[in-house]
Amino acid sequence: MLNSLDIAKEVKDTRVVVAMSGGVDSSVVAGILAKQGYEVIGVTLQLYDHGEATFRKGSCCAGQDISDAKRVAAALNIAHYVLDYEKQFLESVIHPFADAYARGETPVPCIACNQSVKFEDLLNVAKELGADVLATGHYVQSKLIDGRRVLLRPKDNERDQSYFLFATTPEQLDFLRFPLGAMPKAQVRELAHEMGLEIADKHDSQDICFVPEGKYADVIRKLNPKAEQKGEIVHFNGDVLGSHNGIINYTIGQRRGLGIAAPEPLYVVKLDVKNNQVIVGAREALKTHTMKLRDVNWLGEESLQVLASGNGFAIEAKVRSTRPPKEAIIQMIDGEIFVTIIDGEDGISPGQACVFYADGSETSEVLGGGFIEEALSKSFAA
């Protein structure tokens, strides 16, 4: 007989470690499980300390957030530990983030954080504490289906965080639980109020939580001053239109702040790191259909190599956390994985994630994903 967390134990004998960031979501997870009678241990990782970033709205795992997590744990009468993981976070998330921008990529640090610090380091801590599962406040679902745990989109698609969790391995998924996957955010806040938690109306965390005022270039300059070198802004037809102060200040799809005059709106369509050039062009030059992926993580039941051989097979793919999945084809060619979005997508950049879904339904299975190594455009040949 399995309990509500799919563990073959009595609820009172099941130990759960909850990753508590100091926010509403993870606090409610701890409250729900404690009320159900599980032995709950809250663990908060101190990840960074960058002055004003630790106090601005939307930060997490630093400064005030740690104090909030402590107060919530005390209110819920559960054990709580704060662990210093600044060094690991710097090495696993912040440095790779800065290096990726210097390479002309657009990294997604939340994915790196989940891959390393949260679902590797923290997961190991949970096991060392004798936990049966690690629970988090992510808006995603996992269910045991025919003996296999599958990852699904949440019922509240406005809060869908599956894009940031595609790299979760099957082994990690077996140990993870996501109690908020079937709830809308409004209900979670209501529960926080019912529990009497002071953080019930606290602002949500931001994607790049460790960046003061959202100015990522400032972090990159601090870690890698050589990353900001002047160069040319070039139209993709070869005309030099102006100069830039460093490619780290530009992203694919950017229109504003280019500092050049032109008779038509121009967008950043490529960052040429080798020649230190920002390549610009008309909006249609941003259209991408096919992408080559690296570091692919597959969660599907059937073999990806078998499914993707030949003409490939149909999936839904998402290349932005805020955009809905689109119809796509995934193929394996000479051992490399390619995804073609049927209608195309604008502003795709190397370093971003491409996440696979079984279909377009609201609670579709997450089949995995990979990082974009190269975006192939019909109107701009790299």
Protein backbone atom coordinates (compact mmCIF):
# COMPACT_ATOMS: atom_id res chain seq x y z
CA MET A 1 0.00 0.00 0.00
CA LEU A 2 1.49 3.34 -1.07
CA ASN A 3 0.97 6.61 0.78
CA SER A 4 0.21 9.92 -0.98
CA LEU A 5 3.90 10.30 -1.91
CA ASP A 6 3.94 6.82 -3.49
CA ILE A 7 6.10 5.41 -0.70
CA ALA A 8 5.34 2.00 0.78
CA LYS A 9 5.36 3.28 4.37
CA GLU A 10 3.01 4.74 6.92
CA VAL A 11 2.83 8.53 6.58
CA LYS A 12 4.25 9.06 10.07
CA ASP A 13 7.25 6.86 9.22
CA THR A 14 8.04 8.69 5.95
CA ARG A 15 10.77 11.33 6.13
CA VAL A 16 10.56 14.18 3.62
CA VAL A 17 13.19 16.85 3.03
CA VAL A 18 11.65 20.04 1.62
CA ALA A 19 13.82 22.48 -0.32
CA MET A 20 12.83 25.76 1.34
CA SER A 21 13.91 28.88 -0.55
CA GLY A 22 12.06 31.30 1.72
CA GLY A 23 9.28 31.81 -0.82
CA VAL A 24 5.56 31.08 -0.75
CA ASP A 25 5.61 27.91 -2.83
CA SER A 26 8.19 25.88 -0.92
CA SER A 27 6.78 27.11 2.40
CA VAL A 28 3.31 25.81 1.48
CA VAL A 29 4.81 22.48 0.39
CA ALA A 30 6.38 22.11 3.84
CA GLY A 31 3.08 23.09 5.48
CA ILE A 32 0.97 20.67 3.44
CA LEU A 33 3.23 17.70 4.14
CA ALA A 34 3.60 18.52 7.83
CA LYS A 35 -0.19 18.76 8.20
CA GLN A 36 -0.57 15.38 6.49
CA GLY A 37 1.62 13.85 9.18
CA TYR A 38 4.90 13.31 7.34
CA GLU A 39 8.20 13.85 9.15
CA VAL A 40 9.29 17.05 7.41
CA ILE A 41 12.79 18.52 7.47
CA GLY A 42 13.31 21.87 5.79
CA VAL A 43 16.65 22.60 4.14
CA THR A 44 17.65 26.00 2.83
CA LEU A 45 20.76 26.50 0.71
CA GLN A 46 22.52 29.84 0.97
CA LEU A 47 23.61 30.28 -2.63
CA TYR A 48 25.01 33.78 -3.01
CA ASP A 49 25.57 37.11 -1.32
CA HIS A 50 25.73 39.98 -3.80
CA GLY A 51 24.78 43.02 -1.74
CA GLU A 52 21.56 44.59 -2.96
CA ALA A 53 20.56 41.47 -4.91
CA THR A 54 19.87 39.73 -1.59
CA PHE A 55 17.25 42.30 -0.60
CA ARG A 56 15.50 43.20 -3.86
CA LYS A 57 12.07 41.80 -4.65
CA GLY A 58 12.37 38.46 -6.41
CA SER A 59 15.64 37.26 -4.92
CA CYS A 60 15.85 33.80 -3.41
CA CYS A 61 18.15 31.64 -1.29
CA ALA A 62 19.99 34.60 0.23
CA GLY A 63 19.65 37.39 2.79
CA GLN A 64 16.04 37.98 3.85
CA ASP A 65 14.88 34.76 2.20
CA ILE A 66 16.88 32.63 4.61
CA SER A 67 15.33 34.48 7.55
CA ASP A 68 11.88 33.93 6.03
CA ALA A 69 12.52 30.19 5.68
CA LYS A 70 13.61 29.99 9.32
CA ARG A 71 10.45 31.74 10.49
CA VAL A 72 8.21 29.50 8.39
CA ALA A 73 9.91 26.36 9.74
CA ALA A 74 9.43 27.64 13.30
CA ALA A 75 5.75 28.41 12.63
CA LEU A 76 5.23 24.91 11.21
CA ASN A 77 7.25 23.34 14.05
CA ILE A 78 9.54 21.41 11.72
CA ALA A 79 13.31 20.90 11.77
CA HIS A 80 15.23 23.31 9.58
CA TYR A 81 18.83 23.54 8.40
CA VAL A 82 20.68 26.23 6.47
CA LEU A 83 23.64 25.01 4.42
CA ASP A 84 26.32 27.22 2.86
CA TYR A 85 26.52 26.35 -0.83
CA GLU A 86 27.92 29.65 -2.12
CA LYS A 87 31.08 28.03 -3.50
CA GLN A 88 29.17 25.29 -5.32
CA PHE A 89 26.69 27.81 -6.74
CA LEU A 90 29.50 30.08 -7.93
CA GLU A 91 31.28 27.20 -9.67
CA SER A 92 28.21 25.38 -11.03
CA VAL A 93 25.93 28.29 -11.98
CA ILE A 94 27.41 31.79 -11.88
CA HIS A 95 30.77 31.14 -13.60
CA PRO A 96 29.19 29.02 -16.40
CA PHE A 97 26.55 31.75 -16.81
CA ALA A 98 29.23 34.41 -17.35
CA ASP A 99 31.29 32.16 -19.62
CA ALA A 100 28.25 31.36 -21.79
CA TYR A 101 27.47 35.04 -22.38
CA ALA A 102 31.11 35.63 -23.30
CA ARG A 103 30.69 32.89 -25.94
CA GLY A 104 27.69 34.71 -27.40
CA GLU A 105 25.15 32.33 -25.89
CA THR A 106 21.99 33.01 -23.89
CA PRO A 107 22.21 30.71 -20.86
CA VAL A 108 19.36 29.69 -18.56
CA PRO A 109 20.86 29.65 -15.04
CA CYS A 110 17.74 28.18 -13.40
CA ILE A 111 18.27 24.99 -15.39
CA ALA A 112 21.92 24.82 -14.33
CA CYS A 113 20.89 25.39 -10.70
CA ASN A 114 18.37 22.54 -10.83
CA GLN A 115 20.87 20.28 -12.60
CA SER A 116 23.66 20.78 -10.11
CA VAL A 117 23.01 22.41 -6.74
CA LYS A 118 19.36 21.47 -6.19
CA PHE A 119 18.91 18.07 -7.79
CA GLU A 120 22.42 16.79 -7.22
CA ASP A 121 23.93 18.39 -4.11
CA LEU A 122 20.68 18.94 -2.20
CA LEU A 123 19.32 15.58 -3.29
CA ASN A 124 22.42 13.90 -1.84
CA VAL A 125 21.96 15.87 1.40
CA ALA A 126 18.37 14.61 1.59
CA LYS A 127 19.55 11.02 1.23
CA GLU A 128 22.24 11.56 3.89
CA LEU A 129 19.47 12.77 6.22
CA GLY A 130 17.65 9.49 5.64
CA ALA A 131 14.82 11.02 3.61
CA ASP A 132 12.53 8.92 1.48
CA VAL A 133 11.90 11.81 -0.94
CA LEU A 134 12.91 15.40 -1.67
CA ALA A 135 9.95 17.75 -2.21
CA THR A 136 10.12 21.15 -3.94
CA GLY A 137 7.73 23.99 -4.77
CA HIS A 138 8.09 23.70 -8.55
CA TYR A 139 4.92 23.86 -10.63
CA VAL A 140 5.18 20.56 -12.44
CA GLN A 141 3.69 17.11 -11.92
CA SER A 142 5.20 13.66 -11.59
CA LYS A 143 3.13 10.52 -11.52
CA LEU A 144 3.79 6.82 -11.18
CA ILE A 145 2.39 5.17 -14.32
CA ASP A 146 2.84 1.42 -14.82
CA GLY A 147 5.81 1.42 -12.48
CA ARG A 148 7.58 4.33 -14.22
CA ARG A 149 7.62 7.87 -12.85
CA VAL A 150 6.82 10.39 -15.57
CA LEU A 151 7.18 14.17 -15.58
CA LEU A 152 4.11 16.17 -16.65
CA ARG A 153 3.22 19.79 -17.18
CA PRO A 154 1.24 21.29 -14.26
CA LYS A 155 -2.48 21.92 -14.36
CA ASP A 156 -1.83 25.67 -14.10
CA ASN A 157 -0.01 26.45 -17.34
CA GLU A 158 0.48 30.06 -16.27
CA ARG A 159 2.95 28.68 -13.71
CA ASP A 160 4.47 25.90 -15.84
CA GLN A 161 8.11 25.33 -14.77
CA SER A 162 8.72 22.15 -16.76
CA TYR A 163 11.01 24.10 -19.12
CA PHE A 164 13.49 24.48 -16.24
CA LEU A 165 13.31 20.80 -15.23
CA PHE A 166 13.88 18.99 -18.53
CA ALA A 167 17.40 17.94 -17.46
CA THR A 168 16.10 15.98 -14.46
CA THR A 169 17.28 12.37 -14.81
CA PRO A 170 15.00 9.35 -14.34
CA GLU A 171 16.93 8.47 -11.17
CA GLN A 172 16.42 11.96 -9.73
CA LEU A 173 12.76 11.95 -10.76
CA ASP A 174 12.19 8.77 -8.73
CA PHE A 175 13.31 10.62 -5.59
CA LEU A 176 11.60 13.98 -6.25
CA ARG A 177 8.05 15.06 -5.47
CA PHE A 178 6.18 18.19 -6.61
CA PRO A 179 3.07 18.67 -4.42
CA LEU A 180 1.95 21.91 -6.12
CA GLY A 181 1.62 20.46 -9.62
CA ALA A 182 -2.17 20.19 -9.44
CA MET A 183 -2.75 23.63 -7.88
CA PRO A 184 -3.11 27.16 -9.25
CA LYS A 185 -0.94 29.85 -7.64
CA ALA A 186 -4.01 31.57 -6.14
CA GLN A 187 -4.85 28.42 -4.18
CA VAL A 188 -1.27 28.17 -2.92
CA ARG A 189 -1.42 31.71 -1.57
CA GLU A 190 -4.78 30.95 0.07
CA LEU A 191 -3.21 27.97 1.81
CA ALA A 192 -0.33 30.15 2.99
CA HIS A 193 -2.85 32.54 4.55
CA GLU A 194 -4.75 29.65 6.15
CA MET A 195 -1.47 28.40 7.64
CA GLY A 196 -0.83 31.86 9.06
CA LEU A 197 2.46 32.28 7.21
CA GLU A 198 3.87 35.81 7.11
CA ILE A 199 5.20 35.27 3.59
CA ALA A 200 1.76 34.56 2.09
CA ASP A 201 1.88 37.68 -0.11
CA LYS A 202 5.61 37.63 -0.82
CA HIS A 203 6.71 38.38 -4.39
CA ASP A 204 7.72 35.47 -6.63
CA SER A 205 11.41 34.89 -7.33
CA GLN A 206 12.90 35.99 -10.65
CA ASP A 207 14.63 33.81 -13.25
CA ILE A 208 18.10 35.26 -12.64
CA CYS A 209 17.86 35.67 -8.89
CA PHE A 210 21.54 36.44 -8.26
CA VAL A 211 21.76 39.43 -10.61
CA PRO A 212 21.40 42.85 -8.91
CA GLU A 213 18.55 44.83 -10.55
CA GLY A 214 18.51 42.31 -13.41
CA LYS A 215 21.72 43.75 -14.91
CA TYR A 216 23.45 40.52 -15.95
CA ALA A 217 26.23 42.34 -17.82
CA ASP A 218 27.43 43.79 -14.50
CA VAL A 219 27.99 40.29 -13.13
CA ILE A 220 29.86 39.24 -16.26
CA ARG A 221 32.12 42.30 -16.16
CA LYS A 222 33.01 41.56 -12.56
CA LEU A 223 33.88 37.93 -13.24
CA ASN A 224 35.42 38.38 -16.68
CA PRO A 225 36.50 41.98 -17.49
CA LYS A 226 37.99 40.84 -20.82
CA ALA A 227 34.54 39.77 -22.00
CA GLU A 228 33.64 43.38 -22.78
CA GLN A 229 35.62 44.44 -25.84
CA LYS A 230 34.60 46.93 -28.48
CA GLY A 231 33.75 45.69 -31.95
CA GLU A 232 31.62 46.26 -35.03
CA ILE A 233 27.88 46.13 -35.59
CA VAL A 234 27.46 44.59 -39.04
CA HIS A 235 24.40 44.11 -41.23
CA PHE A 236 24.18 40.49 -42.37
CA ASN A 237 24.75 41.76 -45.95
CA GLY A 238 28.26 42.77 -44.82
CA ASP A 239 27.83 46.54 -44.30
CA VAL A 240 29.41 47.95 -41.14
CA LEU A 241 26.74 50.08 -39.43
CA GLY A 242 28.43 51.12 -36.20
CA SER A 243 30.30 49.88 -33.13
CA HIS A 244 29.45 48.13 -29.87
CA ASN A 245 30.99 48.05 -26.39
CA GLY A 246 30.96 44.27 -25.99
CA ILE A 247 28.78 41.43 -27.24
CA ILE A 248 27.81 40.60 -23.64
CA ASN A 249 25.49 43.62 -23.84
CA TYR A 250 23.42 42.07 -26.65
CA THR A 251 21.04 39.15 -27.07
CA ILE A 252 19.49 37.50 -30.12
CA GLY A 253 16.26 39.25 -31.06
CA GLN A 254 17.21 42.55 -29.40
CA ARG A 255 15.92 45.67 -31.15
CA ARG A 256 16.27 48.53 -28.68
CA GLY A 257 19.57 50.07 -27.64
CA LEU A 258 21.55 49.17 -30.75
CA GLY A 259 22.74 52.75 -31.19
CA ILE A 260 22.63 52.73 -34.98
CA ALA A 261 20.53 54.59 -37.54
CA ALA A 262 18.74 52.62 -40.25
CA PRO A 263 15.74 53.12 -42.55
CA GLU A 264 14.12 49.93 -41.21
CA PRO A 265 13.90 48.29 -37.78
CA LEU A 266 16.93 46.09 -37.17
CA TYR A 267 17.35 43.19 -34.76
CA VAL A 268 20.34 41.27 -33.45
CA VAL A 269 20.34 38.04 -35.46
CA LYS A 270 23.73 36.62 -34.48
CA LEU A 271 26.65 37.22 -32.12
CA ASP A 272 29.91 36.43 -33.94
CA VAL A 273 32.34 35.86 -31.07
CA LYS A 274 35.25 34.88 -33.32
CA ASN A 275 35.19 38.24 -35.10
CA ASN A 276 33.72 40.15 -32.12
CA GLN A 277 30.79 41.34 -34.24
CA VAL A 278 27.11 41.93 -33.53
CA ILE A 279 25.23 40.89 -36.67
CA VAL A 280 21.91 42.65 -37.31
CA GLY A 281 19.13 42.28 -39.86
CA ALA A 282 15.43 42.59 -40.57
CA ARG A 283 12.89 40.74 -38.41
CA GLU A 284 12.48 37.93 -40.93
CA ALA A 285 16.15 37.07 -40.41
CA LEU A 286 15.27 35.94 -36.89
CA LYS A 287 13.07 33.09 -38.10
CA THR A 288 14.50 29.67 -37.23
CA HIS A 289 13.11 26.26 -38.11
CA THR A 290 15.83 23.73 -37.33
CA MET A 291 18.12 23.53 -34.32
CA LYS A 292 21.06 21.29 -33.49
CA LEU A 293 21.05 20.26 -29.82
CA ARG A 294 23.70 19.18 -27.33
CA ASP A 295 23.54 17.53 -23.90
CA VAL A 296 20.15 15.96 -24.61
CA ASN A 297 18.33 14.37 -21.67
CA TRP A 298 15.66 11.84 -22.65
CA LEU A 299 12.83 10.87 -20.28
CA GLY A 300 10.58 8.99 -22.71
CA GLU A 301 9.74 5.33 -22.25
CA GLU A 302 10.87 4.28 -25.73
CA SER A 303 14.43 4.65 -27.03
CA LEU A 304 15.18 8.08 -28.50
CA GLN A 305 17.63 6.52 -30.95
CA VAL A 306 14.90 4.27 -32.34
CA LEU A 307 12.19 6.93 -32.39
CA ALA A 308 14.32 9.69 -33.93
CA SER A 309 15.96 7.62 -36.67
CA GLY A 310 14.97 8.07 -40.31
CA ASN A 311 12.34 10.77 -40.70
CA GLY A 312 12.08 11.21 -36.93
CA PHE A 313 8.86 11.55 -34.98
CA ALA A 314 6.42 14.26 -34.00
CA ILE A 315 6.65 16.10 -30.68
CA GLU A 316 5.79 19.52 -29.28
CA ALA A 317 8.81 21.70 -28.54
CA LYS A 318 9.29 24.80 -26.40
CA VAL A 319 12.29 27.14 -26.77
CA ARG A 320 11.17 29.83 -24.33
CA SER A 321 9.78 29.33 -20.85
CA THR A 322 7.08 31.93 -21.55
CA ARG A 323 5.98 30.60 -24.94
CA PRO A 324 3.68 27.63 -25.57
CA PRO A 325 5.04 24.44 -27.15
CA LYS A 326 4.85 24.19 -30.94
CA GLU A 327 4.52 21.26 -33.32
CA ALA A 328 7.95 19.89 -34.17
CA ILE A 329 9.92 16.92 -35.49
CA ILE A 330 12.90 15.41 -33.66
CA GLN A 331 15.54 13.53 -35.68
CA MET A 332 18.83 11.80 -35.05
CA ILE A 333 21.30 12.26 -37.92
CA ASP A 334 24.81 10.78 -37.64
CA GLY A 335 24.42 10.61 -33.89
CA GLU A 336 23.38 14.29 -33.57
CA ILE A 337 19.94 15.45 -32.43
CA PHE A 338 18.03 18.00 -34.52
CA VAL A 339 14.62 19.53 -33.82
CA THR A 340 12.59 21.24 -36.55
CA ILE A 341 9.74 23.51 -35.48
CA ILE A 342 7.13 23.31 -38.23
CA ASP A 343 6.02 26.97 -38.13
CA GLY A 344 9.43 28.25 -37.08
CA GLU A 345 10.29 30.43 -34.09
CA ASP A 346 11.86 33.88 -33.75
CA GLY A 347 14.94 34.87 -31.80
CA ILE A 348 16.39 31.46 -30.96
CA SER A 349 19.88 31.64 -29.47
CA PRO A 350 22.59 29.07 -28.72
CA GLY A 351 22.59 28.23 -25.02
CA GLN A 352 18.82 28.27 -24.66
CA ALA A 353 16.92 25.09 -23.94
CA CYS A 354 14.65 23.20 -26.31
CA VAL A 355 12.21 21.09 -24.28
CA PHE A 356 10.22 18.16 -25.69
CA TYR A 357 6.59 17.32 -24.93
CA ALA A 358 4.57 14.30 -26.03
CA ASP A 359 1.71 16.43 -27.35
CA GLY A 360 0.02 19.79 -27.02
CA SER A 361 -2.29 18.90 -24.14
CA GLU A 362 -2.17 21.03 -21.00
CA THR A 363 -0.72 18.28 -18.82
CA SER A 364 1.41 16.62 -21.49
CA GLU A 365 4.32 14.35 -20.60
CA VAL A 366 7.73 16.01 -20.61
CA LEU A 367 9.96 13.84 -22.81
CA GLY A 368 13.20 15.67 -22.04
CA GLY A 369 15.15 18.28 -23.91
CA GLY A 370 18.56 19.66 -24.74
CA PHE A 371 20.55 22.86 -25.13
CA ILE A 372 20.64 24.64 -28.48
CA GLU A 373 24.11 24.41 -30.01
CA GLU A 374 23.22 25.98 -33.33
CA ALA A 375 20.11 27.66 -34.75
CA LEU A 376 19.72 27.25 -38.52
CA SER A 377 17.89 30.06 -40.35
CA LYS A 378 16.45 30.06 -43.84
CA SER A 379 17.21 33.75 -44.37
CA PHE A 380 20.63 33.93 -42.71
CA ALA A 381 23.40 31.41 -43.40
CA ALA A 382 25.79 31.15 -40.45
